[in-house]
Amino acid sequence: MPVVFRSGSLKFFFYSNEGDPREPLHIHVRGPNGEAKVWLSPAIGIADSKGFNPRELADIIREVAKNKPAIERAWHEHFSN
């Protein structure tokens, strides 16, 4: 479970086994209040969420948008093997 970055109490990460065939580029987020999965393409959006309120989800979307280049780079580095 490679952690790409942290922001406050949130951890942004990938699962090493992202399905077969692999799902499109996305990142998972875990925090004290819940978990979410965020698509990065074709547009940034919540794929699934459990426990986060709308304000927390908006904050997560902002963090993903701010860190999108780093997330994409980490995804391609991790899954290119």
PDB file of N, CA and C in Angstrom:
ATOM      1  N   MET A   1       0.847  -1.168   0.000  1.00  0.00           N
ATOM      2  CA  MET A   1       0.000   0.000   0.000  1.00  0.00           C
ATOM      3  C   MET A   1       0.895   1.234   0.000  1.00  0.00           C
ATOM      4  N   PRO A   2       1.351   1.670  -1.177  1.00  0.00           N
ATOM      5  CA  PRO A   2       2.221   2.841  -1.239  1.00  0.00           C
ATOM      6  C   PRO A   2       1.475   4.125  -0.875  1.00  0.00           C
ATOM      7  N   VAL A   3       1.984   4.831   0.116  1.00  0.00           N
ATOM      8  CA  VAL A   3       1.425   6.131   0.504  1.00  0.00           C
ATOM      9  C   VAL A   3       2.065   7.189  -0.382  1.00  0.00           C
ATOM     10  N   VAL A   4       1.235   7.964  -1.066  1.00  0.00           N
ATOM     11  CA  VAL A   4       1.729   8.997  -1.972  1.00  0.00           C
ATOM     12  C   VAL A   4       2.010  10.276  -1.194  1.00  0.00           C
ATOM     13  N   PHE A   5       1.074  10.671  -0.308  1.00  0.00           N
ATOM     14  CA  PHE A   5       1.300  11.828   0.544  1.00  0.00           C
ATOM     15  C   PHE A   5       0.292  11.820   1.679  1.00  0.00           C
ATOM     16  N   ARG A   6       0.541  12.685   2.638  1.00  0.00           N
ATOM     17  CA  ARG A   6      -0.374  12.895   3.763  1.00  0.00           C
ATOM     18  C   ARG A   6      -0.720  14.372   3.825  1.00  0.00           C
ATOM     19  N   SER A   7      -1.913  14.634   4.286  1.00  0.00           N
ATOM     20  CA  SER A   7      -2.358  16.007   4.504  1.00  0.00           C
ATOM     21  C   SER A   7      -3.168  16.016   5.787  1.00  0.00           C
ATOM     22  N   GLY A   8      -2.619  16.624   6.815  1.00  0.00           N
ATOM     23  CA  GLY A   8      -3.277  16.581   8.111  1.00  0.00           C
ATOM     24  C   GLY A   8      -3.428  15.136   8.545  1.00  0.00           C
ATOM     25  N   SER A   9      -4.642  14.756   8.881  1.00  0.00           N
ATOM     26  CA  SER A   9      -4.896  13.382   9.338  1.00  0.00           C
ATOM     27  C   SER A   9      -5.261  12.443   8.190  1.00  0.00           C
ATOM     28  N   LEU A  10      -5.174  12.927   6.954  1.00  0.00           N
ATOM     29  CA  LEU A  10      -5.537  12.114   5.793  1.00  0.00           C
ATOM     30  C   LEU A  10      -4.317  11.460   5.163  1.00  0.00           C
ATOM     31  N   LYS A  11      -4.482  10.209   4.759  1.00  0.00           N
ATOM     32  CA  LYS A  11      -3.437   9.467   4.058  1.00  0.00           C
ATOM     33  C   LYS A  11      -3.956   9.177   2.655  1.00  0.00           C
ATOM     34  N   PHE A  12      -3.180   9.532   1.628  1.00  0.00           N
ATOM     35  CA  PHE A  12      -3.525   9.325   0.229  1.00  0.00           C
ATOM     36  C   PHE A  12      -2.625   8.215  -0.307  1.00  0.00           C
ATOM     37  N   PHE A  13      -3.225   7.133  -0.816  1.00  0.00           N
ATOM     38  CA  PHE A  13      -2.445   5.943  -1.143  1.00  0.00           C
ATOM     39  C   PHE A  13      -3.072   5.143  -2.267  1.00  0.00           C
ATOM     40  N   PHE A  14      -2.297   4.165  -2.766  1.00  0.00           N
ATOM     41  CA  PHE A  14      -2.769   3.167  -3.729  1.00  0.00           C
ATOM     42  C   PHE A  14      -2.757   1.815  -3.048  1.00  0.00           C
ATOM     43  N   TYR A  15      -3.610   0.932  -3.514  1.00  0.00           N
ATOM     44  CA  TYR A  15      -3.472  -0.483  -3.186  1.00  0.00           C
ATOM     45  C   TYR A  15      -2.586  -1.079  -4.277  1.00  0.00           C
ATOM     46  N   SER A  16      -1.691  -1.969  -3.917  1.00  0.00           N
ATOM     47  CA  SER A  16      -0.788  -2.553  -4.913  1.00  0.00           C
ATOM     48  C   SER A  16      -1.538  -3.404  -5.927  1.00  0.00           C
ATOM     49  N   ASN A  17      -2.657  -4.018  -5.528  1.00  0.00           N
ATOM     50  CA  ASN A  17      -3.462  -4.794  -6.451  1.00  0.00           C
ATOM     51  C   ASN A  17      -4.715  -3.975  -6.773  1.00  0.00           C
ATOM     52  N   GLU A  18      -4.671  -3.273  -7.870  1.00  0.00           N
ATOM     53  CA  GLU A  18      -5.788  -2.396  -8.245  1.00  0.00           C
ATOM     54  C   GLU A  18      -6.704  -3.038  -9.275  1.00  0.00           C
ATOM     55  N   GLY A  19      -6.826  -4.350  -9.220  1.00  0.00           N
ATOM     56  CA  GLY A  19      -7.760  -5.044 -10.100  1.00  0.00           C
ATOM     57  C   GLY A  19      -7.094  -5.593 -11.345  1.00  0.00           C
ATOM     58  N   ASP A  20      -7.782  -6.516 -11.973  1.00  0.00           N
ATOM     59  CA  ASP A  20      -7.293  -7.113 -13.202  1.00  0.00           C
ATOM     60  C   ASP A  20      -8.476  -7.272 -14.144  1.00  0.00           C
ATOM     61  N   PRO A  21      -8.657  -6.431 -15.131  1.00  0.00           N
ATOM     62  CA  PRO A  21      -7.705  -5.394 -15.521  1.00  0.00           C
ATOM     63  C   PRO A  21      -7.688  -4.246 -14.513  1.00  0.00           C
ATOM     64  N   ARG A  22      -6.589  -3.519 -14.490  1.00  0.00           N
ATOM     65  CA  ARG A  22      -6.419  -2.422 -13.544  1.00  0.00           C
ATOM     66  C   ARG A  22      -7.460  -1.328 -13.807  1.00  0.00           C
ATOM     67  N   GLU A  23      -7.986  -0.798 -12.738  1.00  0.00           N
ATOM     68  CA  GLU A  23      -8.944   0.305 -12.851  1.00  0.00           C
ATOM     69  C   GLU A  23      -8.218   1.562 -13.333  1.00  0.00           C
ATOM     70  N   PRO A  24      -8.973   2.534 -13.866  1.00  0.00           N
ATOM     71  CA  PRO A  24      -8.355   3.801 -14.269  1.00  0.00           C
ATOM     72  C   PRO A  24      -7.696   4.495 -13.080  1.00  0.00           C
ATOM     73  N   LEU A  25      -6.846   5.435 -13.389  1.00  0.00           N
ATOM     74  CA  LEU A  25      -6.075   6.154 -12.386  1.00  0.00           C
ATOM     75  C   LEU A  25      -6.973   6.739 -11.297  1.00  0.00           C
ATOM     76  N   HIS A  26      -6.649   6.403 -10.060  1.00  0.00           N
ATOM     77  CA  HIS A  26      -7.402   6.892  -8.902  1.00  0.00           C
ATOM     78  C   HIS A  26      -6.519   6.806  -7.670  1.00  0.00           C
ATOM     79  N   ILE A  27      -6.984   7.391  -6.588  1.00  0.00           N
ATOM     80  CA  ILE A  27      -6.263   7.332  -5.319  1.00  0.00           C
ATOM     81  C   ILE A  27      -7.267   7.061  -4.207  1.00  0.00           C
ATOM     82  N   HIS A  28      -6.805   6.361  -3.188  1.00  0.00           N
ATOM     83  CA  HIS A  28      -7.622   6.088  -2.012  1.00  0.00           C
ATOM     84  C   HIS A  28      -7.223   7.059  -0.913  1.00  0.00           C
ATOM     85  N   VAL A  29      -8.179   7.396  -0.071  1.00  0.00           N
ATOM     86  CA  VAL A  29      -7.948   8.335   1.028  1.00  0.00           C
ATOM     87  C   VAL A  29      -8.522   7.726   2.299  1.00  0.00           C
ATOM     88  N   ARG A  30      -7.730   7.743   3.352  1.00  0.00           N
ATOM     89  CA  ARG A  30      -8.206   7.248   4.638  1.00  0.00           C
ATOM     90  C   ARG A  30      -7.929   8.313   5.686  1.00  0.00           C
ATOM     91  N   GLY A  31      -8.913   8.538   6.532  1.00  0.00           N
ATOM     92  CA  GLY A  31      -8.780   9.482   7.634  1.00  0.00           C
ATOM     93  C   GLY A  31      -9.545   8.959   8.833  1.00  0.00           C
ATOM     94  N   PRO A  32      -9.529   9.699   9.932  1.00  0.00           N
ATOM     95  CA  PRO A  32     -10.200   9.223  11.136  1.00  0.00           C
ATOM     96  C   PRO A  32     -11.715   9.067  10.965  1.00  0.00           C
ATOM     97  N   ASN A  33     -12.306   9.785  10.000  1.00  0.00           N
ATOM     98  CA  ASN A  33     -13.759   9.745   9.828  1.00  0.00           C
ATOM     99  C   ASN A  33     -14.236   8.824   8.717  1.00  0.00           C
ATOM    100  N   GLY A  34     -13.313   8.310   7.898  1.00  0.00           N
ATOM    101  CA  GLY A  34     -13.785   7.468   6.822  1.00  0.00           C
ATOM    102  C   GLY A  34     -12.738   7.141   5.788  1.00  0.00           C
ATOM    103  N   GLU A  35     -13.234   6.629   4.665  1.00  0.00           N
ATOM    104  CA  GLU A  35     -12.404   6.266   3.524  1.00  0.00           C
ATOM    105  C   GLU A  35     -13.102   6.712   2.250  1.00  0.00           C
ATOM    106  N   ALA A  36     -12.304   6.990   1.230  1.00  0.00           N
ATOM    107  CA  ALA A  36     -12.861   7.389  -0.064  1.00  0.00           C
ATOM    108  C   ALA A  36     -11.934   6.925  -1.173  1.00  0.00           C
ATOM    109  N   LYS A  37     -12.510   6.854  -2.354  1.00  0.00           N
ATOM    110  CA  LYS A  37     -11.763   6.553  -3.570  1.00  0.00           C
ATOM    111  C   LYS A  37     -12.052   7.695  -4.528  1.00  0.00           C
ATOM    112  N   VAL A  38     -10.992   8.258  -5.105  1.00  0.00           N
ATOM    113  CA  VAL A  38     -11.137   9.444  -5.950  1.00  0.00           C
ATOM    114  C   VAL A  38     -10.565   9.162  -7.333  1.00  0.00           C
ATOM    115  N   TRP A  39     -11.405   9.312  -8.363  1.00  0.00           N
ATOM    116  CA  TRP A  39     -10.935   9.219  -9.752  1.00  0.00           C
ATOM    117  C   TRP A  39     -10.145  10.467 -10.085  1.00  0.00           C
ATOM    118  N   LEU A  40      -9.113  10.326 -10.917  1.00  0.00           N
ATOM    119  CA  LEU A  40      -8.359  11.475 -11.408  1.00  0.00           C
ATOM    120  C   LEU A  40      -8.663  11.776 -12.865  1.00  0.00           C
ATOM    121  N   SER A  41      -9.290  10.821 -13.556  1.00  0.00           N
ATOM    122  CA  SER A  41      -9.524  10.987 -14.974  1.00  0.00           C
ATOM    123  C   SER A  41     -10.843  10.319 -15.339  1.00  0.00           C
ATOM    124  N   PRO A  42     -11.625  10.877 -16.193  1.00  0.00           N
ATOM    125  CA  PRO A  42     -11.377  12.053 -17.011  1.00  0.00           C
ATOM    126  C   PRO A  42     -11.472  13.365 -16.227  1.00  0.00           C
ATOM    127  N   ALA A  43     -12.152  13.341 -15.092  1.00  0.00           N
ATOM    128  CA  ALA A  43     -12.203  14.519 -14.217  1.00  0.00           C
ATOM    129  C   ALA A  43     -12.066  14.034 -12.781  1.00  0.00           C
ATOM    130  N   ILE A  44     -11.564  14.876 -11.914  1.00  0.00           N
ATOM    131  CA  ILE A  44     -11.424  14.510 -10.509  1.00  0.00           C
ATOM    132  C   ILE A  44     -12.819  14.424  -9.894  1.00  0.00           C
ATOM    133  N   GLY A  45     -13.093  13.294  -9.249  1.00  0.00           N
ATOM    134  CA  GLY A  45     -14.401  13.108  -8.631  1.00  0.00           C
ATOM    135  C   GLY A  45     -14.395  11.930  -7.669  1.00  0.00           C
ATOM    136  N   ILE A  46     -15.323  11.957  -6.746  1.00  0.00           N
ATOM    137  CA  ILE A  46     -15.443  10.888  -5.753  1.00  0.00           C
ATOM    138  C   ILE A  46     -16.056   9.656  -6.420  1.00  0.00           C
ATOM    139  N   ALA A  47     -15.352   8.534  -6.350  1.00  0.00           N
ATOM    140  CA  ALA A  47     -15.874   7.271  -6.877  1.00  0.00           C
ATOM    141  C   ALA A  47     -16.701   6.567  -5.814  1.00  0.00           C
ATOM    142  N   ASP A  48     -16.238   6.652  -4.577  1.00  0.00           N
ATOM    143  CA  ASP A  48     -16.892   5.963  -3.469  1.00  0.00           C
ATOM    144  C   ASP A  48     -16.439   6.634  -2.186  1.00  0.00           C
ATOM    145  N   SER A  49     -17.320   6.680  -1.196  1.00  0.00           N
ATOM    146  CA  SER A  49     -16.964   7.296   0.073  1.00  0.00           C
ATOM    147  C   SER A  49     -17.790   6.695   1.189  1.00  0.00           C
ATOM    148  N   LYS A  50     -17.144   6.539   2.326  1.00  0.00           N
ATOM    149  CA  LYS A  50     -17.840   6.043   3.510  1.00  0.00           C
ATOM    150  C   LYS A  50     -17.323   6.824   4.716  1.00  0.00           C
ATOM    151  N   GLY A  51     -18.199   7.565   5.358  1.00  0.00           N
ATOM    152  CA  GLY A  51     -17.852   8.224   6.602  1.00  0.00           C
ATOM    153  C   GLY A  51     -17.474   9.691   6.518  1.00  0.00           C
ATOM    154  N   PHE A  52     -17.065  10.172   5.345  1.00  0.00           N
ATOM    155  CA  PHE A  52     -16.709  11.583   5.219  1.00  0.00           C
ATOM    156  C   PHE A  52     -17.964  12.416   4.969  1.00  0.00           C
ATOM    157  N   ASN A  53     -18.016  13.617   5.539  1.00  0.00           N
ATOM    158  CA  ASN A  53     -19.135  14.518   5.266  1.00  0.00           C
ATOM    159  C   ASN A  53     -18.824  15.345   4.016  1.00  0.00           C
ATOM    160  N   PRO A  54     -19.799  16.077   3.474  1.00  0.00           N
ATOM    161  CA  PRO A  54     -19.578  16.841   2.239  1.00  0.00           C
ATOM    162  C   PRO A  54     -18.407  17.834   2.328  1.00  0.00           C
ATOM    163  N   ARG A  55     -18.232  18.474   3.462  1.00  0.00           N
ATOM    164  CA  ARG A  55     -17.119  19.417   3.612  1.00  0.00           C
ATOM    165  C   ARG A  55     -15.775  18.692   3.536  1.00  0.00           C
ATOM    166  N   GLU A  56     -15.682  17.548   4.194  1.00  0.00           N
ATOM    167  CA  GLU A  56     -14.448  16.757   4.143  1.00  0.00           C
ATOM    168  C   GLU A  56     -14.172  16.267   2.722  1.00  0.00           C
ATOM    169  N   LEU A  57     -15.214  15.857   2.016  1.00  0.00           N
ATOM    170  CA  LEU A  57     -15.035  15.413   0.632  1.00  0.00           C
ATOM    171  C   LEU A  57     -14.562  16.562  -0.253  1.00  0.00           C
ATOM    172  N   ALA A  58     -15.083  17.759  -0.038  1.00  0.00           N
ATOM    173  CA  ALA A  58     -14.627  18.927  -0.800  1.00  0.00           C
ATOM    174  C   ALA A  58     -13.147  19.199  -0.517  1.00  0.00           C
ATOM    175  N   ASP A  59     -12.737  19.064   0.740  1.00  0.00           N
ATOM    176  CA  ASP A  59     -11.322  19.240   1.095  1.00  0.00           C
ATOM    177  C   ASP A  59     -10.457  18.177   0.413  1.00  0.00           C
ATOM    178  N   ILE A  60     -10.943  16.950   0.375  1.00  0.00           N
ATOM    179  CA  ILE A  60     -10.214  15.864  -0.284  1.00  0.00           C
ATOM    180  C   ILE A  60     -10.046  16.159  -1.764  1.00  0.00           C
ATOM    181  N   ILE A  61     -11.101  16.592  -2.417  1.00  0.00           N
ATOM    182  CA  ILE A  61     -11.038  16.938  -3.841  1.00  0.00           C
ATOM    183  C   ILE A  61      -9.996  18.035  -4.069  1.00  0.00           C
ATOM    184  N   ARG A  62      -9.980  19.048  -3.214  1.00  0.00           N
ATOM    185  CA  ARG A  62      -8.981  20.130  -3.352  1.00  0.00           C
ATOM    186  C   ARG A  62      -7.557  19.590  -3.209  1.00  0.00           C
ATOM    187  N   GLU A  63      -7.333  18.698  -2.250  1.00  0.00           N
ATOM    188  CA  GLU A  63      -6.002  18.116  -2.048  1.00  0.00           C
ATOM    189  C   GLU A  63      -5.583  17.284  -3.253  1.00  0.00           C
ATOM    190  N   VAL A  64      -6.513  16.501  -3.789  1.00  0.00           N
ATOM    191  CA  VAL A  64      -6.194  15.687  -4.962  1.00  0.00           C
ATOM    192  C   VAL A  64      -5.867  16.593  -6.149  1.00  0.00           C
ATOM    193  N   ALA A  65      -6.647  17.633  -6.366  1.00  0.00           N
ATOM    194  CA  ALA A  65      -6.386  18.552  -7.477  1.00  0.00           C
ATOM    195  C   ALA A  65      -5.023  19.219  -7.318  1.00  0.00           C
ATOM    196  N   LYS A  66      -4.708  19.629  -6.111  1.00  0.00           N
ATOM    197  CA  LYS A  66      -3.429  20.302  -5.839  1.00  0.00           C
ATOM    198  C   LYS A  66      -2.244  19.361  -6.068  1.00  0.00           C
ATOM    199  N   ASN A  67      -2.432  18.087  -5.808  1.00  0.00           N
ATOM    200  CA  ASN A  67      -1.344  17.108  -5.888  1.00  0.00           C
ATOM    201  C   ASN A  67      -1.456  16.169  -7.091  1.00  0.00           C
ATOM    202  N   LYS A  68      -2.314  16.503  -8.041  1.00  0.00           N
ATOM    203  CA  LYS A  68      -2.560  15.617  -9.176  1.00  0.00           C
ATOM    204  C   LYS A  68      -1.287  15.212  -9.923  1.00  0.00           C
ATOM    205  N   PRO A  69      -0.369  16.125 -10.243  1.00  0.00           N
ATOM    206  CA  PRO A  69       0.843  15.694 -10.954  1.00  0.00           C
ATOM    207  C   PRO A  69       1.663  14.669 -10.157  1.00  0.00           C
ATOM    208  N   ALA A  70       1.784  14.862  -8.863  1.00  0.00           N
ATOM    209  CA  ALA A  70       2.538  13.919  -8.028  1.00  0.00           C
ATOM    210  C   ALA A  70       1.829  12.572  -7.949  1.00  0.00           C
ATOM    211  N   ILE A  71       0.504  12.587  -7.871  1.00  0.00           N
ATOM    212  CA  ILE A  71      -0.267  11.341  -7.828  1.00  0.00           C
ATOM    213  C   ILE A  71      -0.084  10.572  -9.131  1.00  0.00           C
ATOM    214  N   GLU A  72      -0.221  11.277 -10.260  1.00  0.00           N
ATOM    215  CA  GLU A  72      -0.063  10.625 -11.560  1.00  0.00           C
ATOM    216  C   GLU A  72       1.337  10.042 -11.713  1.00  0.00           C
ATOM    217  N   ARG A  73       2.349  10.788 -11.317  1.00  0.00           N
ATOM    218  CA  ARG A  73       3.724  10.309 -11.409  1.00  0.00           C
ATOM    219  C   ARG A  73       3.915   9.052 -10.545  1.00  0.00           C
ATOM    220  N   ALA A  74       3.430   9.090  -9.316  1.00  0.00           N
ATOM    221  CA  ALA A  74       3.555   7.941  -8.410  1.00  0.00           C
ATOM    222  C   ALA A  74       2.808   6.726  -8.962  1.00  0.00           C
ATOM    223  N   TRP A  75       1.631   6.939  -9.532  1.00  0.00           N
ATOM    224  CA  TRP A  75       0.844   5.839 -10.119  1.00  0.00           C
ATOM    225  C   TRP A  75       1.641   5.153 -11.221  1.00  0.00           C
ATOM    226  N   HIS A  76       2.162   5.967 -12.154  1.00  0.00           N
ATOM    227  CA  HIS A  76       2.886   5.389 -13.289  1.00  0.00           C
ATOM    228  C   HIS A  76       4.179   4.720 -12.844  1.00  0.00           C
ATOM    229  N   GLU A  77       4.852   5.279 -11.876  1.00  0.00           N
ATOM    230  CA  GLU A  77       6.082   4.652 -11.362  1.00  0.00           C
ATOM    231  C   GLU A  77       5.752   3.321 -10.686  1.00  0.00           C
ATOM    232  N   HIS A  78       4.701   3.301  -9.889  1.00  0.00           N
ATOM    233  CA  HIS A  78       4.362   2.088  -9.135  1.00  0.00           C
ATOM    234  C   HIS A  78       3.816   0.973 -10.025  1.00  0.00           C
ATOM    235  N   PHE A  79       2.969   1.324 -10.971  1.00  0.00           N
ATOM    236  CA  PHE A  79       2.291   0.302 -11.759  1.00  0.00           C
ATOM    237  C   PHE A  79       2.960   0.001 -13.105  1.00  0.00           C
ATOM    238  N   SER A  80       4.079   0.631 -13.396  1.00  0.00           N
ATOM    239  CA  SER A  80       4.756   0.355 -14.674  1.00  0.00           C
ATOM    240  C   SER A  80       5.580  -0.920 -14.623  1.00  0.00           C
ATOM    241  N   ASN A  81       5.706  -1.514 -13.454  1.00  0.00           N
ATOM    242  CA  ASN A  81       6.515  -2.738 -13.311  1.00  0.00           C
ATOM    243  C   ASN A  81       5.819  -3.926 -13.929  1.00  0.00           C
TER     244      ASN A  81
END
